[in-house]
């Protein structure tokens, strides 16, 4: 049975949305699609996907998830470039979460590049 929508906020079921990127069935076609799939990977604690879609130049050795963190929703605030016509792009987003029951949010302007034709996350600027 499929859920009502993907963790990234799209109405499509996970398997038809971010799940196809996580499984390797398809590659995210835009920087925004990669951002959404990475948010879903954080929500589902899929460290392998996060590392795989992180630029080799900036990739950490491992991902550690906060034990009490639960991701509740993603809002895309702005997208610049990041399509098939570009080699770079930025996505500004806000993600709601709870940390050990305390509500919070993360706002970031993320930078993406295409490496060997695939979009990867480079880094981001956090803001409050």
N, C-alpha and C. Protein backbone atom coordinates (compact mmCIF):
# COMPACT_ATOMS: atom_id res chain seq x y z
N UNK A 1 0.84 -1.19 0.00
CA UNK A 1 0.00 0.00 0.00
C UNK A 1 0.88 1.25 0.00
N UNK A 2 0.59 2.20 -0.90
CA UNK A 2 1.39 3.40 -1.01
C UNK A 2 0.82 4.51 -0.14
N UNK A 3 1.70 5.37 0.36
CA UNK A 3 1.26 6.46 1.21
C UNK A 3 0.61 7.55 0.39
N UNK A 4 0.03 8.52 1.07
CA UNK A 4 -0.67 9.62 0.40
C UNK A 4 0.27 10.53 -0.37
N UNK A 5 1.51 10.60 0.02
CA UNK A 5 2.46 11.48 -0.66
C UNK A 5 3.87 11.19 -0.23
N UNK A 6 4.80 11.79 -0.96
CA UNK A 6 6.22 11.60 -0.69
C UNK A 6 6.65 12.49 0.49
N UNK A 7 7.67 12.07 1.24
CA UNK A 7 8.18 12.93 2.31
C UNK A 7 8.60 14.32 1.83
N UNK A 8 8.98 14.45 0.54
CA UNK A 8 9.45 15.74 0.01
C UNK A 8 8.32 16.75 -0.16
N UNK A 9 7.07 16.31 0.03
CA UNK A 9 5.95 17.23 -0.08
C UNK A 9 5.15 17.11 -1.37
N UNK A 10 5.66 16.38 -2.33
CA UNK A 10 4.91 16.16 -3.57
C UNK A 10 3.76 15.19 -3.30
N UNK A 11 2.67 15.30 -4.06
CA UNK A 11 1.53 14.41 -3.81
C UNK A 11 1.74 12.97 -4.29
N UNK A 12 2.74 12.73 -5.16
CA UNK A 12 2.98 11.37 -5.66
C UNK A 12 3.46 10.47 -4.54
N UNK A 13 3.09 9.20 -4.58
CA UNK A 13 3.62 8.25 -3.59
C UNK A 13 5.14 8.20 -3.67
N UNK A 14 5.77 7.92 -2.55
CA UNK A 14 7.22 7.88 -2.44
C UNK A 14 7.87 7.08 -3.57
N UNK A 15 7.38 5.87 -3.86
CA UNK A 15 8.02 5.02 -4.86
C UNK A 15 8.03 5.65 -6.26
N UNK A 16 7.05 6.49 -6.56
CA UNK A 16 6.99 7.14 -7.87
C UNK A 16 7.64 8.51 -7.86
N UNK A 17 8.02 8.99 -6.68
CA UNK A 17 8.65 10.31 -6.54
C UNK A 17 10.12 10.09 -6.16
N UNK A 18 10.51 10.39 -4.96
CA UNK A 18 11.91 10.28 -4.54
C UNK A 18 12.41 8.84 -4.47
N UNK A 19 11.52 7.90 -4.26
CA UNK A 19 11.93 6.50 -4.16
C UNK A 19 12.65 5.99 -5.39
N UNK A 20 12.27 6.46 -6.56
CA UNK A 20 12.95 6.00 -7.79
C UNK A 20 14.37 6.53 -7.87
N UNK A 21 14.63 7.69 -7.26
CA UNK A 21 16.00 8.21 -7.21
C UNK A 21 16.80 7.44 -6.16
N UNK A 22 16.19 7.20 -5.01
CA UNK A 22 16.86 6.48 -3.94
C UNK A 22 17.24 5.07 -4.36
N UNK A 23 16.40 4.42 -5.15
CA UNK A 23 16.67 3.04 -5.58
C UNK A 23 17.66 2.97 -6.73
N UNK A 24 17.96 4.10 -7.36
CA UNK A 24 18.86 4.11 -8.51
C UNK A 24 18.15 3.88 -9.83
N UNK A 25 16.84 3.76 -9.79
CA UNK A 25 16.05 3.56 -11.01
C UNK A 25 16.17 4.74 -11.97
N UNK A 26 16.32 5.94 -11.41
CA UNK A 26 16.45 7.16 -12.20
C UNK A 26 17.35 8.13 -11.45
N UNK A 27 17.87 9.12 -12.20
CA UNK A 27 18.67 10.19 -11.58
C UNK A 27 17.80 11.44 -11.52
N UNK A 28 17.98 12.23 -10.48
CA UNK A 28 17.22 13.47 -10.34
C UNK A 28 17.54 14.38 -11.54
N UNK A 29 16.51 14.83 -12.28
CA UNK A 29 16.75 15.59 -13.50
C UNK A 29 17.08 17.07 -13.28
N UNK A 30 16.82 17.59 -12.09
CA UNK A 30 17.07 18.99 -11.80
C UNK A 30 17.66 19.12 -10.40
N UNK A 31 18.23 20.29 -10.13
CA UNK A 31 18.75 20.55 -8.78
C UNK A 31 17.62 20.50 -7.75
N UNK A 32 16.44 21.03 -8.11
CA UNK A 32 15.32 20.98 -7.16
C UNK A 32 14.88 19.55 -6.87
N UNK A 33 14.82 18.72 -7.91
CA UNK A 33 14.45 17.31 -7.70
C UNK A 33 15.47 16.63 -6.79
N UNK A 34 16.76 16.96 -6.98
CA UNK A 34 17.77 16.37 -6.10
C UNK A 34 17.60 16.88 -4.67
N UNK A 35 17.31 18.17 -4.52
CA UNK A 35 17.09 18.72 -3.17
C UNK A 35 15.94 18.00 -2.49
N UNK A 36 14.84 17.82 -3.20
CA UNK A 36 13.69 17.12 -2.63
C UNK A 36 14.05 15.69 -2.25
N UNK A 37 14.79 15.01 -3.12
CA UNK A 37 15.15 13.61 -2.84
C UNK A 37 16.11 13.53 -1.66
N UNK A 38 16.98 14.51 -1.51
CA UNK A 38 17.89 14.51 -0.36
C UNK A 38 17.13 14.78 0.94
N UNK A 39 16.14 15.68 0.89
CA UNK A 39 15.30 15.89 2.07
C UNK A 39 14.63 14.57 2.46
N UNK A 40 14.05 13.89 1.48
CA UNK A 40 13.40 12.60 1.76
C UNK A 40 14.39 11.60 2.33
N UNK A 41 15.62 11.62 1.82
CA UNK A 41 16.65 10.71 2.33
C UNK A 41 16.98 11.03 3.79
N UNK A 42 17.02 12.32 4.15
CA UNK A 42 17.21 12.68 5.56
C UNK A 42 16.03 12.17 6.39
N UNK A 43 14.82 12.39 5.89
CA UNK A 43 13.63 11.96 6.64
C UNK A 43 13.61 10.45 6.84
N UNK A 44 14.13 9.71 5.86
CA UNK A 44 14.12 8.25 5.91
C UNK A 44 15.45 7.67 6.40
N UNK A 45 16.40 8.55 6.72
CA UNK A 45 17.71 8.16 7.23
C UNK A 45 18.48 7.27 6.25
N UNK A 46 18.49 7.68 4.99
CA UNK A 46 19.19 6.95 3.93
C UNK A 46 20.56 7.59 3.70
N UNK A 47 21.53 7.23 4.54
CA UNK A 47 22.87 7.82 4.47
C UNK A 47 23.57 7.49 3.17
N UNK A 48 23.38 6.29 2.63
CA UNK A 48 24.05 5.92 1.39
C UNK A 48 23.67 6.86 0.25
N UNK A 49 22.38 7.16 0.13
CA UNK A 49 21.94 8.07 -0.93
C UNK A 49 22.51 9.47 -0.72
N UNK A 50 22.49 9.94 0.51
CA UNK A 50 23.02 11.28 0.79
C UNK A 50 24.50 11.37 0.42
N UNK A 51 25.28 10.38 0.78
CA UNK A 51 26.70 10.39 0.43
C UNK A 51 26.91 10.27 -1.08
N UNK A 52 26.12 9.44 -1.72
CA UNK A 52 26.23 9.24 -3.17
C UNK A 52 25.92 10.52 -3.94
N UNK A 53 25.03 11.36 -3.42
CA UNK A 53 24.62 12.57 -4.13
C UNK A 53 25.32 13.82 -3.60
N UNK A 54 26.40 13.64 -2.86
CA UNK A 54 27.19 14.74 -2.32
C UNK A 54 28.44 14.89 -3.19
N UNK A 55 28.81 16.11 -3.56
CA UNK A 55 29.97 16.34 -4.40
C UNK A 55 31.21 15.74 -3.75
N UNK A 56 32.04 15.01 -4.52
CA UNK A 56 33.24 14.40 -3.93
C UNK A 56 34.16 15.41 -3.24
N UNK A 57 34.17 16.64 -3.71
CA UNK A 57 35.03 17.68 -3.15
C UNK A 57 34.61 18.07 -1.73
N UNK A 58 33.33 17.98 -1.41
CA UNK A 58 32.82 18.45 -0.12
C UNK A 58 32.16 17.36 0.72
N UNK A 59 32.14 16.14 0.22
CA UNK A 59 31.45 15.02 0.89
C UNK A 59 32.12 14.68 2.22
N UNK A 60 31.32 14.57 3.29
CA UNK A 60 31.88 14.13 4.58
C UNK A 60 32.14 12.62 4.54
N UNK A 61 32.92 12.10 5.46
CA UNK A 61 33.20 10.66 5.47
C UNK A 61 31.98 9.82 5.84
N UNK A 62 31.06 10.40 6.59
CA UNK A 62 29.84 9.66 6.98
C UNK A 62 28.75 10.66 7.36
N UNK A 63 27.53 10.16 7.44
CA UNK A 63 26.38 10.95 7.85
C UNK A 63 25.94 10.45 9.22
N UNK A 64 25.72 11.37 10.13
CA UNK A 64 25.18 11.01 11.43
C UNK A 64 23.86 11.73 11.62
N UNK A 65 22.84 10.97 11.92
CA UNK A 65 21.50 11.52 12.11
C UNK A 65 21.25 11.78 13.59
N UNK A 66 20.60 12.89 13.90
CA UNK A 66 20.22 13.17 15.27
C UNK A 66 19.19 12.15 15.74
N UNK A 67 19.47 11.52 16.87
CA UNK A 67 18.59 10.45 17.36
C UNK A 67 17.17 10.94 17.59
N UNK A 68 17.00 12.19 18.02
CA UNK A 68 15.68 12.70 18.33
C UNK A 68 15.07 13.56 17.24
N UNK A 69 15.71 13.61 16.06
CA UNK A 69 15.23 14.49 14.99
C UNK A 69 14.20 13.78 14.13
N UNK A 70 13.09 14.45 13.90
CA UNK A 70 12.03 13.95 13.02
C UNK A 70 11.68 15.07 12.04
N UNK A 71 11.84 14.81 10.74
CA UNK A 71 11.56 15.81 9.71
C UNK A 71 10.08 15.82 9.38
N UNK A 72 9.48 17.02 9.34
CA UNK A 72 8.02 17.16 9.22
C UNK A 72 7.54 17.77 7.92
N UNK A 73 8.40 18.48 7.20
CA UNK A 73 7.93 19.09 5.96
C UNK A 73 8.98 19.95 5.31
N UNK A 74 8.87 20.06 3.99
CA UNK A 74 9.81 20.82 3.17
C UNK A 74 9.06 21.87 2.38
N UNK A 75 9.62 23.08 2.35
CA UNK A 75 9.08 24.15 1.52
C UNK A 75 10.21 24.71 0.68
N UNK A 76 10.05 24.68 -0.64
CA UNK A 76 11.03 25.26 -1.55
C UNK A 76 10.70 26.75 -1.65
N UNK A 77 11.66 27.60 -1.30
CA UNK A 77 11.46 29.04 -1.30
C UNK A 77 11.92 29.71 -2.59
N UNK A 78 12.96 29.16 -3.23
CA UNK A 78 13.51 29.75 -4.45
C UNK A 78 14.38 28.72 -5.16
N UNK A 79 14.33 28.72 -6.47
CA UNK A 79 15.19 27.87 -7.29
C UNK A 79 15.80 28.73 -8.38
N UNK A 80 17.11 28.64 -8.54
CA UNK A 80 17.82 29.38 -9.60
C UNK A 80 18.62 28.38 -10.42
N UNK A 81 18.42 28.44 -11.73
CA UNK A 81 19.11 27.55 -12.66
C UNK A 81 18.85 26.09 -12.26
N UNK A 82 19.81 25.21 -12.46
CA UNK A 82 19.64 23.83 -12.01
C UNK A 82 18.79 22.95 -12.90
N UNK A 83 18.65 23.31 -14.20
CA UNK A 83 17.88 22.48 -15.13
C UNK A 83 18.85 21.77 -16.07
N UNK A 84 18.32 21.07 -17.05
CA UNK A 84 19.15 20.38 -18.04
C UNK A 84 20.01 21.35 -18.83
N UNK A 85 19.66 22.63 -18.83
CA UNK A 85 20.41 23.64 -19.57
C UNK A 85 21.57 24.22 -18.77
N UNK A 86 21.72 23.82 -17.50
CA UNK A 86 22.71 24.43 -16.61
C UNK A 86 23.70 23.40 -16.07
N UNK A 87 24.83 23.90 -15.58
CA UNK A 87 25.80 23.04 -14.90
C UNK A 87 25.82 23.30 -13.40
N UNK A 88 25.17 24.41 -12.98
CA UNK A 88 25.06 24.72 -11.56
C UNK A 88 23.64 25.18 -11.26
N UNK A 89 23.31 25.19 -10.00
CA UNK A 89 22.00 25.68 -9.58
C UNK A 89 21.97 25.88 -8.09
N UNK A 90 21.00 26.65 -7.64
CA UNK A 90 20.79 26.84 -6.20
C UNK A 90 19.32 26.60 -5.88
N UNK A 91 19.09 26.09 -4.70
CA UNK A 91 17.74 25.88 -4.19
C UNK A 91 17.72 26.38 -2.75
N UNK A 92 16.81 27.30 -2.47
CA UNK A 92 16.63 27.79 -1.11
C UNK A 92 15.39 27.10 -0.55
N UNK A 93 15.52 26.53 0.63
CA UNK A 93 14.42 25.76 1.21
C UNK A 93 14.33 26.01 2.70
N UNK A 94 13.19 25.64 3.22
CA UNK A 94 12.99 25.60 4.67
C UNK A 94 12.40 24.24 5.00
N UNK A 95 12.97 23.59 6.00
CA UNK A 95 12.50 22.28 6.44
C UNK A 95 12.11 22.35 7.91
N UNK A 96 10.91 21.88 8.21
CA UNK A 96 10.44 21.85 9.59
C UNK A 96 10.81 20.51 10.22
N UNK A 97 11.10 20.53 11.51
CA UNK A 97 11.45 19.30 12.21
C UNK A 97 11.14 19.45 13.69
N UNK A 98 11.22 18.34 14.37
CA UNK A 98 11.25 18.36 15.83
C UNK A 98 12.55 17.69 16.24
N UNK A 99 13.11 18.17 17.33
CA UNK A 99 14.32 17.59 17.89
C UNK A 99 13.99 17.25 19.33
N UNK A 100 13.86 15.96 19.58
CA UNK A 100 13.44 15.47 20.91
C UNK A 100 12.14 16.15 21.33
N UNK A 101 11.24 16.33 20.36
CA UNK A 101 9.93 16.91 20.62
C UNK A 101 9.86 18.42 20.51
N UNK A 102 11.00 19.10 20.46
CA UNK A 102 11.01 20.57 20.35
C UNK A 102 10.96 20.96 18.87
N UNK A 103 10.00 21.83 18.48
CA UNK A 103 9.89 22.23 17.08
C UNK A 103 11.05 23.12 16.65
N UNK A 104 11.39 23.02 15.38
CA UNK A 104 12.44 23.86 14.82
C UNK A 104 12.36 23.86 13.32
N UNK A 105 13.27 24.61 12.70
CA UNK A 105 13.34 24.60 11.25
C UNK A 105 14.77 24.84 10.82
N UNK A 106 15.04 24.43 9.60
CA UNK A 106 16.34 24.63 8.96
C UNK A 106 16.07 25.38 7.67
N UNK A 107 16.75 26.49 7.47
CA UNK A 107 16.65 27.23 6.22
C UNK A 107 18.04 27.27 5.61
N UNK A 108 18.13 26.90 4.32
CA UNK A 108 19.42 26.83 3.66
C UNK A 108 19.31 27.22 2.20
N UNK A 109 20.33 27.88 1.71
CA UNK A 109 20.50 28.11 0.27
C UNK A 109 21.57 27.11 -0.17
N UNK A 110 21.13 26.05 -0.86
CA UNK A 110 22.00 24.95 -1.25
C UNK A 110 22.54 25.17 -2.66
N UNK A 111 23.81 24.79 -2.85
CA UNK A 111 24.44 24.87 -4.16
C UNK A 111 24.61 23.46 -4.73
N UNK A 112 24.33 23.35 -6.03
CA UNK A 112 24.41 22.08 -6.73
C UNK A 112 25.24 22.24 -8.00
N UNK A 113 25.91 21.16 -8.39
CA UNK A 113 26.64 21.11 -9.65
C UNK A 113 26.34 19.79 -10.32
N UNK A 114 26.56 19.77 -11.64
CA UNK A 114 26.46 18.49 -12.34
C UNK A 114 27.86 17.91 -12.48
N UNK A 115 28.00 16.66 -12.08
CA UNK A 115 29.25 15.92 -12.20
C UNK A 115 28.95 14.69 -13.03
N UNK A 116 29.66 14.56 -14.15
CA UNK A 116 29.43 13.45 -15.08
C UNK A 116 27.94 13.33 -15.43
N UNK A 117 27.29 14.48 -15.60
CA UNK A 117 25.90 14.52 -16.01
C UNK A 117 24.88 14.42 -14.89
N UNK A 118 25.31 14.11 -13.67
CA UNK A 118 24.37 13.93 -12.55
C UNK A 118 24.46 15.11 -11.59
N UNK A 119 23.31 15.54 -11.09
CA UNK A 119 23.28 16.61 -10.10
C UNK A 119 23.80 16.09 -8.77
N UNK A 120 24.64 16.91 -8.10
CA UNK A 120 25.13 16.59 -6.76
C UNK A 120 25.07 17.84 -5.91
N UNK A 121 24.92 17.63 -4.61
CA UNK A 121 24.93 18.71 -3.63
C UNK A 121 26.38 19.11 -3.36
N UNK A 122 26.66 20.41 -3.39
CA UNK A 122 28.01 20.91 -3.10
C UNK A 122 28.10 21.38 -1.66
N UNK A 123 27.30 22.39 -1.31
CA UNK A 123 27.29 22.93 0.04
C UNK A 123 26.13 23.90 0.16
N UNK A 124 26.01 24.54 1.32
CA UNK A 124 24.91 25.45 1.50
C UNK A 124 25.20 26.47 2.58
N UNK A 125 24.44 27.56 2.52
CA UNK A 125 24.52 28.62 3.51
C UNK A 125 23.27 28.54 4.39
N UNK A 126 23.48 28.30 5.67
CA UNK A 126 22.37 28.24 6.62
C UNK A 126 21.98 29.65 7.05
N UNK A 127 20.70 29.85 7.25
CA UNK A 127 20.21 31.11 7.81
C UNK A 127 19.12 30.80 8.81
N UNK A 128 18.83 31.77 9.66
CA UNK A 128 17.80 31.56 10.70
C UNK A 128 16.54 32.26 10.30
